Amino acid sequence: MNTAWNTRAETPADTAAVHAVNAAAFDTPAEADLVDALRADPAWIEGLSMVAVTDRGTVAAYALLTRCHIGDSPALCLAPCAVLPEHQRTGAGSAAIRAVLDAARARGERFVTVLGHPGYYPRFGFERASTYGIGLDIEVPDEALMVLSLDPAHTPPAGTIRYAAPFGI
């Protein structure tokens, strides 16, 4: 198990590898296609698309933050996160997520939302969004919609999350 993954911002040379990681990590190509669509969307923020790479430089994991809003407040959406099957449970995904959250924090971003596995994302500090009066216009399991404040001095605002158009939500 690699315990010290190298992470870095995605570069244009990584586009095909990022697509391949997302295609391999999920049952359908929907997430890989979503990343491609988000690259062309105004919600894309340079430097908030991170990869974890092997010692040989192969992209093993991916994490993306794009602009969303909670009510009228700017926030970020963590999705998708993906790991090549042969590197799952090695810390590669966690390394990519920590790196992208650190990059967002360094940029002065305040809030990150995620719709994901309630047993996984709390390790990064995510909490149930409904605790703060945050929701979606669609039905999702309450425990799966989470929010993280990147700055403890700021409490997440209440409101409905609005994602970038490629998410279709």
Protein backbone atom coordinates (compact mmCIF):
# COMPACT_ATOMS: atom_id res chain seq x y z
CA MET A 1 0.00 0.00 0.00
CA ASN A 2 1.35 3.40 -1.05
CA THR A 3 0.97 5.65 1.99
CA ALA A 4 2.51 8.77 0.46
CA TRP A 5 0.68 9.42 -2.78
CA ASN A 6 1.92 12.27 -4.93
CA THR A 7 -0.88 14.68 -5.79
CA ARG A 8 -1.05 17.57 -8.20
CA ALA A 9 -3.45 19.63 -10.24
CA GLU A 10 -4.64 18.01 -13.43
CA THR A 11 -2.87 19.22 -16.58
CA PRO A 12 -4.14 19.11 -20.18
CA ALA A 13 -1.90 16.08 -20.70
CA ASP A 14 -3.96 14.21 -18.06
CA THR A 15 -7.34 14.54 -19.81
CA ALA A 16 -7.35 11.03 -21.30
CA ALA A 17 -6.04 9.44 -18.08
CA VAL A 18 -8.67 11.22 -15.98
CA HIS A 19 -11.36 10.02 -18.36
CA ALA A 20 -9.99 6.46 -18.10
CA VAL A 21 -9.91 6.57 -14.26
CA ASN A 22 -13.54 7.72 -14.10
CA ALA A 23 -14.64 5.20 -16.73
CA ALA A 24 -12.92 2.34 -14.88
CA ALA A 25 -14.19 3.34 -11.43
CA PHE A 26 -17.90 3.43 -12.30
CA ASP A 27 -20.35 1.04 -13.95
CA THR A 28 -21.22 3.50 -16.73
CA PRO A 29 -19.29 6.24 -18.55
CA ALA A 30 -21.59 8.91 -17.05
CA GLU A 31 -19.02 10.27 -14.57
CA ALA A 32 -16.23 10.34 -17.18
CA ASP A 33 -18.55 12.18 -19.56
CA LEU A 34 -19.58 14.54 -16.73
CA VAL A 35 -15.96 15.59 -16.16
CA ASP A 36 -15.56 16.27 -19.89
CA ALA A 37 -18.73 18.41 -19.88
CA LEU A 38 -17.67 20.28 -16.74
CA ARG A 39 -14.33 21.26 -18.33
CA ALA A 40 -16.35 23.32 -20.84
CA ASP A 41 -18.69 24.81 -18.20
CA PRO A 42 -18.26 28.13 -16.37
CA ALA A 43 -18.36 26.15 -13.09
CA TRP A 44 -14.87 24.75 -13.86
CA ILE A 45 -12.13 26.30 -11.72
CA GLU A 46 -8.52 25.83 -12.80
CA GLY A 47 -6.47 24.14 -10.10
CA LEU A 48 -9.42 22.39 -8.43
CA SER A 49 -9.14 19.19 -10.46
CA MET A 50 -6.61 16.96 -8.70
CA VAL A 51 -4.94 13.66 -9.43
CA ALA A 52 -3.01 11.22 -7.28
CA VAL A 53 -0.22 9.57 -9.23
CA THR A 54 1.87 6.46 -8.77
CA ASP A 55 5.64 6.60 -8.39
CA ARG A 56 5.80 6.13 -12.16
CA GLY A 57 3.50 9.10 -12.80
CA THR A 58 0.39 7.09 -13.71
CA VAL A 59 -2.87 8.75 -12.70
CA ALA A 60 -4.44 6.45 -10.10
CA ALA A 61 -7.12 8.66 -8.53
CA TYR A 62 -9.09 11.81 -9.22
CA ALA A 63 -11.09 14.44 -7.30
CA LEU A 64 -12.90 17.45 -8.75
CA LEU A 65 -14.40 20.60 -7.22
CA THR A 66 -16.63 22.81 -9.34
CA ARG A 67 -18.65 25.91 -8.52
CA CYS A 68 -22.11 25.47 -7.07
CA HIS A 69 -24.25 27.66 -4.83
CA ILE A 70 -26.04 27.13 -1.55
CA GLY A 71 -28.90 29.56 -1.96
CA ASP A 72 -27.08 32.69 -3.16
CA SER A 73 -23.77 31.82 -1.48
CA PRO A 74 -20.90 30.48 -3.59
CA ALA A 75 -19.76 26.99 -2.67
CA LEU A 76 -18.05 24.05 -4.30
CA CYS A 77 -19.29 20.60 -5.27
CA LEU A 78 -17.01 17.58 -4.76
CA ALA A 79 -17.77 15.22 -7.65
CA PRO A 80 -16.75 13.01 -9.14
CA CYS A 81 -14.10 11.24 -7.11
CA ALA A 82 -12.67 8.12 -8.68
CA VAL A 83 -9.89 5.57 -8.20
CA LEU A 84 -8.62 2.96 -10.64
CA PRO A 85 -9.86 -0.42 -9.36
CA GLU A 86 -6.31 -1.73 -8.81
CA HIS A 87 -5.54 1.24 -6.53
CA GLN A 88 -8.74 1.27 -4.48
CA ARG A 89 -8.28 1.04 -0.70
CA THR A 90 -4.68 2.27 -0.94
CA GLY A 91 -5.26 5.87 0.11
CA ALA A 92 -5.04 7.25 -3.43
CA GLY A 93 -8.61 8.58 -3.40
CA SER A 94 -8.21 10.12 0.04
CA ALA A 95 -4.98 11.79 -1.06
CA ALA A 96 -6.68 13.35 -4.11
CA ILE A 97 -9.61 14.55 -2.00
CA ARG A 98 -7.37 16.06 0.68
CA ALA A 99 -5.30 17.78 -2.00
CA VAL A 100 -8.31 19.33 -3.73
CA LEU A 101 -9.80 20.46 -0.39
CA ASP A 102 -6.45 22.01 0.59
CA ALA A 103 -6.27 23.80 -2.78
CA ALA A 104 -9.79 25.19 -2.28
CA ARG A 105 -8.94 26.31 1.24
CA ALA A 106 -5.80 28.07 -0.05
CA ARG A 107 -7.96 29.94 -2.60
CA GLY A 108 -10.20 31.25 0.17
CA GLU A 109 -13.19 29.07 -0.66
CA ARG A 110 -15.51 28.49 2.29
CA PHE A 111 -17.92 25.61 1.67
CA VAL A 112 -17.92 22.25 -0.12
CA THR A 113 -20.92 20.01 -0.71
CA VAL A 114 -20.92 16.33 -1.58
CA LEU A 115 -23.61 13.83 -2.39
CA GLY A 116 -21.95 10.57 -1.50
CA HIS A 117 -21.38 7.66 0.83
CA PRO A 118 -22.16 8.71 4.43
CA GLY A 119 -19.59 6.27 5.78
CA TYR A 120 -16.73 7.72 3.72
CA TYR A 121 -16.87 11.52 3.52
CA PRO A 122 -17.11 12.37 7.24
CA ARG A 123 -13.41 11.42 7.56
CA PHE A 124 -12.70 14.67 5.69
CA GLY A 125 -14.93 16.72 7.99
CA PHE A 126 -18.17 16.55 6.01
CA GLU A 127 -21.38 16.74 8.04
CA ARG A 128 -25.03 16.13 7.24
CA ALA A 129 -26.18 19.15 5.21
CA SER A 130 -29.70 19.13 6.63
CA THR A 131 -28.21 20.09 10.02
CA TYR A 132 -27.57 23.51 8.44
CA GLY A 133 -30.87 23.73 6.54
CA ILE A 134 -29.22 22.76 3.25
CA GLY A 135 -31.09 20.61 0.75
CA LEU A 136 -31.71 19.78 -2.89
CA ASP A 137 -34.70 20.09 -5.21
CA ILE A 138 -34.61 16.31 -5.70
CA GLU A 139 -35.08 13.49 -3.21
CA VAL A 140 -31.83 12.05 -1.87
CA PRO A 141 -31.08 10.15 1.32
CA ASP A 142 -30.61 12.75 4.06
CA GLU A 143 -27.38 11.18 5.29
CA ALA A 144 -25.85 11.23 1.78
CA LEU A 145 -26.01 15.02 1.29
CA MET A 146 -23.13 16.57 3.22
CA VAL A 147 -21.35 19.89 3.63
CA LEU A 148 -17.90 20.94 4.84
CA SER A 149 -16.86 24.38 6.04
CA LEU A 150 -13.26 24.97 4.92
CA ASP A 151 -13.00 27.84 7.42
CA PRO A 152 -14.28 27.04 10.93
CA ALA A 153 -15.10 30.73 11.41
CA HIS A 154 -17.91 30.41 8.83
CA THR A 155 -21.02 28.31 9.29
CA PRO A 156 -22.53 26.93 6.08
CA PRO A 157 -25.53 28.97 4.93
CA ALA A 158 -29.00 27.47 4.74
CA GLY A 159 -30.49 27.05 1.28
CA THR A 160 -30.97 24.84 -1.73
CA ILE A 161 -27.87 23.66 -3.57
CA ARG A 162 -27.67 24.66 -7.23
CA TYR A 163 -25.16 22.58 -9.20
CA ALA A 164 -23.52 23.36 -12.53
CA ALA A 165 -25.76 22.58 -15.52
CA PRO A 166 -23.86 19.41 -16.60
CA PHE A 167 -25.00 17.69 -13.38
CA GLY A 168 -28.60 17.87 -14.62
CA ILE A 169 -29.92 18.63 -11.12
